Each structure stands twice: as C-alpha cells, then as structure tokens.
N, C-alpha and C. Protein backbone atom coordinates (compact mmCIF):
# COMPACT_ATOMS: atom_id res chain seq x y z
N MET A 1 1.00 -1.51 -0.21
CA MET A 1 -0.23 -0.06 0.05
C MET A 1 0.96 1.43 -0.19
N LYS A 2 0.33 2.36 -0.67
CA LYS A 2 1.46 3.63 -0.71
C LYS A 2 0.38 4.69 -0.44
N VAL A 3 0.63 5.69 0.27
CA VAL A 3 -0.32 6.94 0.18
C VAL A 3 0.94 8.20 0.27
N ASN A 4 0.13 9.27 -0.15
CA ASN A 4 0.61 10.44 -0.15
C ASN A 4 0.28 11.34 1.25
N ILE A 5 1.76 11.99 1.20
CA ILE A 5 1.23 12.59 2.74
C ILE A 5 2.31 13.93 2.46
N ALA A 6 1.39 15.31 2.54
CA ALA A 6 2.09 16.56 1.93
C ALA A 6 3.19 16.51 1.11
N LYS A 7 2.78 16.00 -0.15
CA LYS A 7 4.03 15.77 -1.23
C LYS A 7 5.10 14.81 -1.01
N HIS A 8 4.87 13.77 -0.05
CA HIS A 8 5.78 12.58 -0.03
C HIS A 8 5.13 11.06 0.20
N THR A 9 5.82 10.24 0.21
CA THR A 9 5.10 9.08 0.08
C THR A 9 5.17 8.45 1.50
N LEU A 10 4.12 7.42 1.58
CA LEU A 10 4.60 6.64 3.11
C LEU A 10 4.13 5.15 2.18
N GLU A 11 5.03 4.30 2.28
CA GLU A 11 4.92 2.93 1.43
C GLU A 11 4.88 1.77 2.38
N ILE A 12 4.05 0.58 2.54
CA ILE A 12 4.19 -0.79 3.12
C ILE A 12 4.63 -1.51 2.14
N LEU A 13 5.55 -2.57 2.38
CA LEU A 13 5.56 -3.85 1.62
C LEU A 13 6.38 -4.82 2.56
N GLN A 14 5.89 -5.93 1.68
CA GLN A 14 6.32 -7.11 2.52
C GLN A 14 7.60 -7.27 1.73
N GLY A 15 8.90 -7.83 2.79
CA GLY A 15 10.10 -8.20 1.76
C GLY A 15 11.00 -8.28 2.48
N ASP A 16 12.47 -8.25 2.23
CA ASP A 16 13.56 -8.49 3.24
C ASP A 16 14.15 -6.71 3.05
N ILE A 17 14.43 -6.43 4.13
CA ILE A 17 14.95 -4.87 4.38
C ILE A 17 16.33 -4.88 3.69
N THR A 18 17.23 -6.02 3.94
CA THR A 18 18.51 -5.98 3.26
C THR A 18 18.62 -5.87 1.94
N GLU A 19 17.35 -6.13 0.94
CA GLU A 19 17.60 -5.82 -0.29
C GLU A 19 16.87 -4.43 -0.83
N GLN A 20 16.80 -3.39 0.14
CA GLN A 20 15.87 -2.30 0.08
C GLN A 20 17.44 -1.27 -0.52
N ASP A 21 16.50 -0.78 -1.75
CA ASP A 21 17.64 0.64 -2.10
C ASP A 21 17.53 1.83 -1.80
N SER A 22 16.71 2.06 -0.50
CA SER A 22 16.66 3.15 -0.33
C SER A 22 17.64 3.80 0.25
N GLU A 23 18.02 5.09 0.14
CA GLU A 23 18.80 5.77 1.06
C GLU A 23 19.78 5.12 2.21
N ALA A 24 18.62 4.95 2.91
CA ALA A 24 18.97 4.40 4.09
C ALA A 24 17.99 3.02 4.73
N ILE A 25 18.24 2.60 5.64
CA ILE A 25 17.61 1.36 6.09
C ILE A 25 17.74 1.50 7.61
N VAL A 26 16.80 1.01 8.56
CA VAL A 26 16.92 0.97 10.17
C VAL A 26 17.03 -0.33 10.38
N ASN A 27 17.91 -0.25 11.38
CA ASN A 27 18.22 -1.54 11.88
C ASN A 27 17.42 -1.56 13.48
N ALA A 28 16.70 -2.49 13.79
CA ALA A 28 15.94 -2.46 15.05
C ALA A 28 16.85 -3.00 16.12
N ALA A 29 17.83 -2.07 16.78
CA ALA A 29 19.05 -2.51 17.88
C ALA A 29 18.60 -2.32 19.09
N ASN A 30 19.95 -2.80 19.91
CA ASN A 30 19.64 -2.55 21.21
C ASN A 30 20.90 -1.52 21.49
N ASN A 31 21.04 -0.84 22.77
CA ASN A 31 21.60 0.42 23.11
C ASN A 31 23.03 0.05 23.15
N PHE A 32 23.51 -1.40 22.90
CA PHE A 32 25.07 -1.29 22.93
C PHE A 32 25.25 -1.09 21.54
N LEU A 33 24.41 -1.58 20.58
CA LEU A 33 24.42 -1.59 19.16
C LEU A 33 25.08 -3.21 18.72
N TRP A 34 25.20 -3.93 19.49
CA TRP A 34 25.61 -5.26 18.83
C TRP A 34 24.39 -5.60 18.32
N MET A 35 24.99 -6.74 17.15
CA MET A 35 23.61 -7.14 15.94
C MET A 35 24.11 -8.59 16.03
N GLY A 36 23.17 -9.24 16.83
CA GLY A 36 23.00 -10.55 17.03
C GLY A 36 21.84 -11.08 15.96
N ALA A 37 21.03 -11.23 16.46
CA ALA A 37 19.66 -12.02 15.75
C ALA A 37 18.63 -10.81 15.20
N GLY A 38 17.45 -11.49 14.30
CA GLY A 38 16.70 -11.10 13.72
C GLY A 38 17.29 -9.79 12.70
N VAL A 39 16.43 -8.88 12.79
CA VAL A 39 17.05 -7.65 11.37
C VAL A 39 18.37 -7.48 11.65
N ALA A 40 18.93 -7.32 12.74
CA ALA A 40 20.39 -7.00 13.00
C ALA A 40 21.18 -7.82 12.29
N GLY A 41 21.22 -9.30 13.01
CA GLY A 41 21.70 -10.27 12.44
C GLY A 41 21.70 -10.30 10.88
N ALA A 42 20.45 -10.14 10.39
CA ALA A 42 20.56 -9.93 8.43
C ALA A 42 21.19 -9.01 7.64
N ILE A 43 21.38 -7.97 8.57
CA ILE A 43 21.87 -6.68 8.45
C ILE A 43 23.66 -7.03 8.36
N LYS A 44 23.69 -7.55 9.25
CA LYS A 44 24.94 -7.86 9.57
C LYS A 44 25.62 -9.11 8.85
N ARG A 45 24.96 -9.95 8.33
CA ARG A 45 25.13 -11.05 7.48
C ARG A 45 25.27 -10.47 6.34
N LYS A 46 24.41 -9.95 5.50
CA LYS A 46 24.87 -9.46 4.21
C LYS A 46 25.32 -8.22 3.79
N GLY A 47 25.55 -7.14 5.07
CA GLY A 47 26.00 -6.14 4.66
C GLY A 47 28.01 -5.80 5.32
N GLY A 48 27.95 -7.16 6.14
CA GLY A 48 29.28 -7.39 6.40
C GLY A 48 29.83 -6.34 8.06
N GLN A 49 30.69 -6.99 8.71
CA GLN A 49 31.39 -6.70 9.93
C GLN A 49 31.41 -5.63 10.37
N GLU A 50 31.72 -4.58 9.17
CA GLU A 50 32.32 -3.04 9.31
C GLU A 50 31.01 -2.35 10.08
N ILE A 51 29.75 -2.76 9.26
CA ILE A 51 28.70 -2.19 9.64
C ILE A 51 28.48 -2.02 11.32
N GLU A 52 28.66 -3.14 11.84
CA GLU A 52 28.16 -3.33 13.49
C GLU A 52 29.99 -2.95 14.34
N THR A 53 31.00 -2.85 13.68
CA THR A 53 32.39 -2.11 14.51
C THR A 53 31.96 -0.63 14.20
N GLU A 54 31.21 -0.23 13.05
CA GLU A 54 31.09 1.26 13.32
C GLU A 54 30.15 1.85 14.09
N ALA A 55 29.12 0.83 14.23
CA ALA A 55 27.75 1.18 15.62
C ALA A 55 28.32 1.07 16.47
N ILE A 56 28.96 0.14 17.05
CA ILE A 56 29.69 -0.35 18.24
C ILE A 56 30.85 0.93 19.11
N ALA A 57 31.30 1.47 17.95
CA ALA A 57 32.17 2.62 18.25
C ALA A 57 31.68 3.89 18.70
N GLN A 58 29.94 3.92 18.50
CA GLN A 58 29.23 4.84 18.89
C GLN A 58 28.44 4.92 20.10
N GLY A 59 28.57 3.32 20.69
CA GLY A 59 27.70 3.46 21.93
C GLY A 59 28.54 3.20 22.97
N PRO A 60 27.87 2.41 24.41
CA PRO A 60 26.31 2.41 23.94
C PRO A 60 25.45 4.00 24.07
N ILE A 61 24.28 3.63 23.67
CA ILE A 61 23.45 4.88 23.62
C ILE A 61 22.06 4.48 24.36
N GLU A 62 21.32 5.48 24.89
CA GLU A 62 20.25 5.77 25.20
C GLU A 62 19.34 4.92 24.55
N ILE A 63 18.71 4.22 25.05
CA ILE A 63 17.10 3.59 24.78
C ILE A 63 16.41 4.54 23.92
N GLY A 64 15.92 4.31 22.94
CA GLY A 64 15.43 5.48 21.85
C GLY A 64 15.84 6.14 21.21
N GLN A 65 17.24 6.38 21.31
CA GLN A 65 18.24 6.93 20.47
C GLN A 65 18.51 6.59 19.41
N ALA A 66 19.30 6.88 18.39
CA ALA A 66 19.75 6.49 17.12
C ALA A 66 20.97 7.17 16.73
N VAL A 67 22.08 6.17 15.42
CA VAL A 67 23.06 6.64 15.29
C VAL A 67 23.10 5.93 13.93
N ILE A 68 23.99 6.51 13.35
CA ILE A 68 24.17 6.17 11.70
C ILE A 68 25.49 5.89 11.25
N THR A 69 25.20 4.40 10.31
CA THR A 69 26.88 4.06 10.11
C THR A 69 26.45 3.88 8.36
N SER A 70 27.73 3.81 7.91
CA SER A 70 27.55 3.36 6.45
C SER A 70 26.99 1.90 6.24
N GLY A 71 26.23 1.52 4.96
CA GLY A 71 25.81 0.57 4.40
C GLY A 71 26.56 -0.61 3.97
N GLY A 72 27.78 -0.63 4.39
CA GLY A 72 28.82 -1.69 4.23
C GLY A 72 28.73 -2.18 2.71
N LYS A 73 28.08 -3.40 2.57
CA LYS A 73 28.36 -4.25 1.46
C LYS A 73 26.60 -4.19 0.81
N LEU A 74 25.91 -3.44 1.51
CA LEU A 74 24.40 -3.25 1.15
C LEU A 74 24.34 -2.68 -0.03
N LYS A 75 22.88 -2.60 -0.46
CA LYS A 75 22.59 -1.48 -1.60
C LYS A 75 22.18 -0.13 -0.91
N THR A 76 21.93 -0.02 0.19
CA THR A 76 21.94 1.36 0.87
C THR A 76 22.92 2.07 1.10
N LYS A 77 22.85 3.56 1.42
CA LYS A 77 24.13 3.92 1.51
C LYS A 77 24.56 4.03 3.46
N PHE A 78 23.50 4.03 3.79
CA PHE A 78 23.29 4.25 5.28
C PHE A 78 22.41 3.14 6.16
N VAL A 79 23.01 2.57 7.39
CA VAL A 79 22.14 2.03 8.26
C VAL A 79 22.08 2.78 9.39
N ILE A 80 20.75 3.14 9.75
CA ILE A 80 20.42 4.08 10.83
C ILE A 80 20.09 3.00 12.17
N HIS A 81 20.79 2.77 13.48
CA HIS A 81 20.60 1.85 14.24
C HIS A 81 19.62 2.34 15.28
N ALA A 82 18.40 1.98 15.43
CA ALA A 82 17.60 2.65 16.40
C ALA A 82 17.68 2.15 17.84
N ALA A 83 17.92 2.17 18.73
CA ALA A 83 17.79 1.12 19.94
C ALA A 83 16.35 1.31 20.45
N GLY A 84 15.81 0.13 20.23
CA GLY A 84 14.33 -0.05 20.43
C GLY A 84 14.20 -0.93 22.10
N MET A 85 15.42 -1.31 22.43
CA MET A 85 15.51 -1.98 23.64
C MET A 85 17.07 -2.21 23.94
N GLY A 86 16.94 -2.72 25.40
CA GLY A 86 18.22 -2.49 25.99
C GLY A 86 18.68 -3.97 26.34
N GLN A 87 19.59 -4.32 27.28
CA GLN A 87 19.90 -5.62 27.37
C GLN A 87 18.87 -6.36 28.07
N ASP A 88 18.02 -6.01 28.49
CA ASP A 88 16.94 -6.64 28.94
C ASP A 88 15.73 -7.17 27.86
N LEU A 89 16.11 -7.02 26.24
CA LEU A 89 15.15 -7.20 25.46
C LEU A 89 13.88 -6.74 25.45
N ASN A 90 13.59 -5.75 26.17
CA ASN A 90 12.23 -5.45 26.48
C ASN A 90 11.92 -4.02 25.84
N THR A 91 10.80 -4.02 25.42
CA THR A 91 10.65 -2.59 24.90
C THR A 91 9.03 -2.11 25.16
N ASN A 92 8.74 -0.93 24.87
CA ASN A 92 7.03 -0.69 24.81
C ASN A 92 6.93 0.51 24.05
N ALA A 93 5.93 1.15 24.10
CA ALA A 93 5.40 2.22 22.73
C ALA A 93 5.98 3.24 23.34
N ASN A 94 6.21 3.72 24.31
CA ASN A 94 7.03 4.99 24.58
C ASN A 94 8.72 4.92 23.94
N ILE A 95 9.24 3.66 23.99
CA ILE A 95 10.56 3.50 23.66
C ILE A 95 10.56 3.39 21.92
N LEU A 96 9.34 2.73 21.37
CA LEU A 96 9.35 2.69 19.90
C LEU A 96 8.89 3.77 19.37
N LYS A 97 8.35 4.97 20.00
CA LYS A 97 7.72 5.98 19.47
C LYS A 97 9.33 6.93 19.52
N LEU A 98 9.68 7.17 20.33
CA LEU A 98 11.42 7.82 20.35
C LEU A 98 12.31 7.19 19.33
N ALA A 99 12.16 5.75 19.30
CA ALA A 99 13.31 5.15 18.46
C ALA A 99 12.93 5.46 16.77
N THR A 100 11.71 5.41 16.53
CA THR A 100 11.15 5.83 15.20
C THR A 100 11.18 7.69 14.95
N GLN A 101 11.13 8.53 15.94
CA GLN A 101 11.26 9.94 15.87
C GLN A 101 13.05 9.77 15.66
N ASN A 102 13.57 9.38 16.63
CA ASN A 102 14.99 9.69 16.40
C ASN A 102 15.81 9.28 15.21
N SER A 103 15.27 8.07 14.58
CA SER A 103 15.68 7.40 13.24
C SER A 103 15.25 8.65 11.96
N LEU A 104 14.05 9.16 12.25
CA LEU A 104 13.25 9.94 11.19
C LEU A 104 14.47 11.13 11.35
N LYS A 105 14.16 11.81 12.37
CA LYS A 105 15.19 12.87 12.56
C LYS A 105 16.71 12.78 12.27
N LEU A 106 17.43 11.94 12.31
CA LEU A 106 18.53 11.72 12.08
C LEU A 106 18.76 11.41 10.53
N ALA A 107 17.76 10.74 9.92
CA ALA A 107 17.86 11.07 8.21
C ALA A 107 17.79 12.13 7.84
N GLU A 108 16.37 13.13 8.58
CA GLU A 108 16.16 14.66 8.31
C GLU A 108 17.22 15.37 8.10
N ILE A 109 18.37 15.25 9.28
CA ILE A 109 19.29 15.99 9.69
C ILE A 109 20.70 15.74 8.36
N LYS A 110 20.83 14.47 8.33
CA LYS A 110 21.74 13.97 6.90
C LYS A 110 21.54 14.12 5.61
N GLY A 111 20.20 14.76 5.24
CA GLY A 111 19.68 15.38 3.97
C GLY A 111 19.22 13.77 3.16
N ILE A 112 18.82 12.88 3.84
CA ILE A 112 18.63 11.63 3.27
C ILE A 112 16.93 11.59 2.77
N GLN A 113 17.02 11.29 1.69
CA GLN A 113 15.69 11.36 0.86
C GLN A 113 14.26 9.84 1.12
N SER A 114 15.23 9.06 1.54
CA SER A 114 14.79 7.57 1.27
C SER A 114 15.09 6.58 2.56
N ILE A 115 13.81 5.98 3.33
CA ILE A 115 14.28 5.33 4.31
C ILE A 115 13.48 3.99 4.34
N SER A 116 14.06 3.01 4.88
CA SER A 116 13.43 1.81 5.00
C SER A 116 13.26 1.33 6.77
N LEU A 117 12.08 0.86 7.19
CA LEU A 117 12.24 0.94 8.42
C LEU A 117 11.52 -0.94 8.89
N PRO A 118 11.93 -1.26 9.81
CA PRO A 118 11.34 -2.66 9.86
C PRO A 118 10.16 -2.41 11.30
N ALA A 119 9.47 -3.50 11.72
CA ALA A 119 8.61 -3.26 12.63
C ALA A 119 9.39 -3.59 13.86
N ILE A 120 10.02 -2.68 14.74
CA ILE A 120 11.20 -2.89 15.48
C ILE A 120 10.35 -3.10 16.96
N GLY A 121 11.00 -3.52 17.63
CA GLY A 121 10.82 -4.69 18.61
C GLY A 121 9.87 -5.58 18.63
N THR A 122 9.29 -6.02 17.50
CA THR A 122 8.50 -6.99 17.54
C THR A 122 9.21 -8.52 17.35
N GLY A 123 10.48 -8.51 17.29
CA GLY A 123 11.17 -10.10 17.25
C GLY A 123 11.55 -10.45 18.76
N VAL A 124 12.58 -10.09 18.88
CA VAL A 124 13.13 -10.87 20.42
C VAL A 124 12.40 -9.40 21.24
N GLY A 125 12.21 -8.48 21.05
CA GLY A 125 11.63 -7.67 21.98
C GLY A 125 9.95 -7.94 22.37
N GLY A 126 9.35 -8.66 21.34
CA GLY A 126 7.66 -9.29 21.69
C GLY A 126 6.80 -8.49 21.80
N PHE A 127 6.96 -7.49 21.28
CA PHE A 127 6.27 -6.02 21.29
C PHE A 127 5.08 -6.59 20.45
N SER A 128 3.94 -6.18 20.43
CA SER A 128 2.83 -6.63 19.59
C SER A 128 2.89 -5.72 18.45
N ILE A 129 2.91 -6.91 17.00
CA ILE A 129 3.16 -6.19 15.70
C ILE A 129 1.68 -5.16 15.57
N PHE A 130 0.31 -5.15 16.18
CA PHE A 130 -0.56 -4.40 16.01
C PHE A 130 -0.09 -3.04 16.83
N GLN A 131 0.34 -3.02 17.81
CA GLN A 131 0.62 -1.97 18.77
C GLN A 131 1.94 -1.29 17.78
N CYS A 132 3.04 -1.95 17.23
CA CYS A 132 4.03 -1.59 16.73
C CYS A 132 3.40 -0.45 15.55
N ALA A 133 2.73 -1.27 14.67
CA ALA A 133 1.77 -0.66 13.66
C ALA A 133 1.31 0.81 13.74
N ASN A 134 0.57 0.65 14.66
CA ASN A 134 0.09 2.05 15.26
C ASN A 134 1.10 2.93 15.76
N VAL A 135 1.85 2.66 16.57
CA VAL A 135 3.17 3.69 17.38
C VAL A 135 3.79 4.07 15.91
N MET A 136 4.29 3.20 15.24
CA MET A 136 5.67 3.71 13.98
C MET A 136 4.47 4.65 13.03
N LEU A 137 3.38 4.00 12.52
CA LEU A 137 2.62 4.55 11.42
C LEU A 137 2.11 6.15 11.58
N LEU A 138 1.71 6.41 13.33
CA LEU A 138 1.45 7.58 13.75
C LEU A 138 2.83 8.51 13.35
N GLU A 139 3.78 8.12 14.10
CA GLU A 139 5.11 9.02 13.62
C GLU A 139 5.61 9.18 12.69
N ALA A 140 5.44 8.27 11.66
CA ALA A 140 5.77 8.64 10.04
C ALA A 140 4.96 9.32 9.74
N ILE A 141 3.63 9.15 9.69
CA ILE A 141 2.69 10.18 9.03
C ILE A 141 2.96 11.46 9.84
N ASP A 142 2.93 11.84 11.17
CA ASP A 142 3.38 13.08 11.62
C ASP A 142 4.37 13.56 10.87
N PHE A 143 5.58 12.81 10.93
CA PHE A 143 7.12 13.39 10.33
C PHE A 143 6.54 13.80 9.04
N LEU A 144 6.18 13.23 8.19
CA LEU A 144 6.13 13.53 6.59
C LEU A 144 5.57 14.77 6.57
N GLN A 145 4.41 15.40 7.63
CA GLN A 145 3.80 16.46 7.38
C GLN A 145 4.80 17.68 7.37
N LYS A 146 5.89 17.31 8.14
CA LYS A 146 6.69 18.45 8.33
C LYS A 146 7.98 18.34 7.47
N SER A 147 8.14 17.17 7.01
CA SER A 147 9.74 16.94 6.41
C SER A 147 9.96 17.60 5.32
N GLN A 148 11.19 18.20 5.24
CA GLN A 148 12.08 18.81 4.13
C GLN A 148 12.71 18.15 3.35
N ASN A 149 13.42 17.00 3.79
CA ASN A 149 14.47 16.27 3.21
C ASN A 149 13.91 14.93 2.43
N LEU A 150 13.46 14.53 3.82
CA LEU A 150 12.70 13.01 3.89
C LEU A 150 11.54 12.66 2.84
N LYS A 151 11.67 11.90 1.59
CA LYS A 151 10.45 12.05 0.47
C LYS A 151 9.67 10.69 0.82
N LEU A 152 10.20 9.89 1.10
CA LEU A 152 9.79 8.40 1.01
C LEU A 152 10.18 7.87 2.56
N ILE A 153 9.29 7.35 3.12
CA ILE A 153 8.77 6.59 4.22
C ILE A 153 8.65 5.20 3.96
N ARG A 154 9.37 3.67 4.17
CA ARG A 154 9.05 2.62 3.53
C ARG A 154 9.15 1.83 4.71
N PHE A 155 7.93 1.18 5.09
CA PHE A 155 7.64 0.23 6.05
C PHE A 155 8.03 -1.19 5.40
N VAL A 156 9.00 -2.12 5.92
CA VAL A 156 9.55 -3.24 5.03
C VAL A 156 8.94 -4.46 6.12
N LEU A 157 8.25 -5.44 6.08
CA LEU A 157 7.80 -6.41 6.71
C LEU A 157 8.26 -7.50 5.96
N PHE A 158 8.87 -8.29 6.72
CA PHE A 158 9.53 -9.85 6.60
C PHE A 158 8.07 -10.64 6.25
N ASP A 159 7.13 -10.87 6.76
CA ASP A 159 6.18 -11.71 6.53
C ASP A 159 4.69 -11.33 6.60
N LYS A 160 3.77 -11.85 6.41
CA LYS A 160 2.65 -11.56 5.90
C LYS A 160 1.49 -11.08 7.12
N PRO A 161 1.60 -11.75 8.21
CA PRO A 161 0.90 -11.12 9.17
C PRO A 161 1.72 -9.89 9.82
N ALA A 162 2.84 -9.74 9.60
CA ALA A 162 3.33 -8.05 9.93
C ALA A 162 2.79 -7.26 8.57
N PHE A 163 3.16 -7.47 7.61
CA PHE A 163 2.41 -6.78 6.22
C PHE A 163 1.15 -6.46 6.47
N ASP A 164 0.53 -7.28 6.73
CA ASP A 164 -1.17 -7.05 6.92
C ASP A 164 -1.40 -6.11 7.93
N ALA A 165 -0.48 -6.31 9.20
CA ALA A 165 -0.98 -5.57 10.40
C ALA A 165 -0.84 -3.96 10.02
N PHE A 166 0.50 -3.70 9.63
CA PHE A 166 0.90 -2.50 8.96
C PHE A 166 -0.61 -1.76 7.90
N ASN A 167 -0.58 -2.56 7.17
CA ASN A 167 -1.25 -2.30 6.15
C ASN A 167 -2.94 -1.83 6.71
N ASP A 168 -3.16 -2.81 7.40
CA ASP A 168 -4.87 -2.74 8.06
C ASP A 168 -4.68 -0.86 9.16
N GLU A 169 -3.37 -1.18 9.67
CA GLU A 169 -3.40 0.19 10.38
C GLU A 169 -3.27 1.46 9.53
N LEU A 170 -2.47 1.34 8.47
CA LEU A 170 -2.51 2.40 7.64
C LEU A 170 -3.98 2.72 7.00
N LYS A 171 -4.63 1.71 6.61
CA LYS A 171 -6.01 2.04 6.12
C LYS A 171 -7.01 2.78 7.36
N LEU A 172 -6.86 2.30 8.47
CA LEU A 172 -7.49 2.54 9.44
C LEU A 172 -7.18 4.13 10.02
N GLN A 173 -5.95 4.79 9.89
CA GLN A 173 -5.38 5.88 10.00
C GLN A 173 -6.24 6.85 8.88
N PHE A 174 -6.21 6.51 7.98
CA PHE A 174 -6.69 7.03 6.98
C PHE A 174 -8.44 7.11 6.69
N SER A 175 -8.78 6.09 7.14
CA SER A 175 -10.37 6.14 7.11
C SER A 175 -10.74 7.23 8.18
N SER A 176 -9.92 7.32 9.21
CA SER A 176 -10.31 8.32 10.13
C SER A 176 -10.38 9.62 9.62
N LYS A 177 -9.83 9.92 8.67
CA LYS A 177 -9.87 11.25 7.65
C LYS A 177 -9.03 12.04 8.64
N ARG A 178 -8.03 11.71 9.50
CA ARG A 178 -7.08 12.62 10.36
C ARG A 178 -6.02 13.36 9.81
N HIS A 179 -5.56 12.94 8.49
CA HIS A 179 -4.74 13.56 7.93
C HIS A 179 -5.14 13.60 6.29
C-alpha cells in the first residue's frame, strides 16, 4: 500500500529490508548496538562486520536514540541503528515512539531522502505487531507532514502477518480522515 502525505510518500511492502535500495535502512538495535539476531543479524550477514564495528564505536546509547553508519556491502548507503530495547530485550510503546522519531530526525538532518524501516521491537522484543504498526505509522505520518528532506518512508515487513497488520493500521488511519 502507498499513500501520499504532504507531497511525500509512505509505503508498506512485504520483503527483505537488506535488499532495499532506499538511501537508508533502519536496524532494530539494542542500546549497545551489538548485531546478533533478527533484523540486526540479517543486516550484519549481508552488509558485513564493518557495519557493527562502526555502530559499536558510537555506543552505548540511550534506549530510544539512534546513530548512523555506512551501509557496508548493502545496496543502501546508510544504516540507522535505532535502540528499540536495552540488554533486557524489553520494549514498550514510548521507546518505540522515540526510536522511530529519532531515526527519522537523524535521516532528515543527514539530508536522506528515502528510508526503509522494519517493525522495531516485534522480534526478540516481543512487542505486539499491531501496537507497533500503530505507534510507528502515527510517527511516520506526523513526520512526513513537516519533512523537508525525507520524501519516502517505507515500512518493510518480513512476513505476511506483519505486512497485513501495517496495511490494516494505515487504512484505519486514513479512514479516520485525520490526515
């Protein structure tokens, strides 16, 4: 699904975030920026150890904050590492909101025009995909309404249930005529 917001685009697709050609992708990180399993592990496997090395050199960071590294061997130029959880692997809606906001702000500051995000916190963090879709989409919609540089925010969901949850939430947001 794709919608236009203030001359910008918000898109939802099912796929592999490591294959995206957006200028930046977001890594669902822990606050020490170690890249183990899930999205982080996939990015490290395809993009190379240098991504984790660059990230760890900037950490640890506060939970909810974000840092940027190169994209290593990936198609993307940059990886934004959003600390959606700490070492306890727990997250909540407020942390997710901050991680999304800070990822988008960092992209805006760096002049990035397109970004792809995963469903942060729904893997090892165990956060509900439905709550995640609500929090992340509200932040993305709000951000695009005032963005100068960022023209495309794409949510890339690995499996069909996550894709459906994000699509359903986006339809709900737009059917409520809030935007």
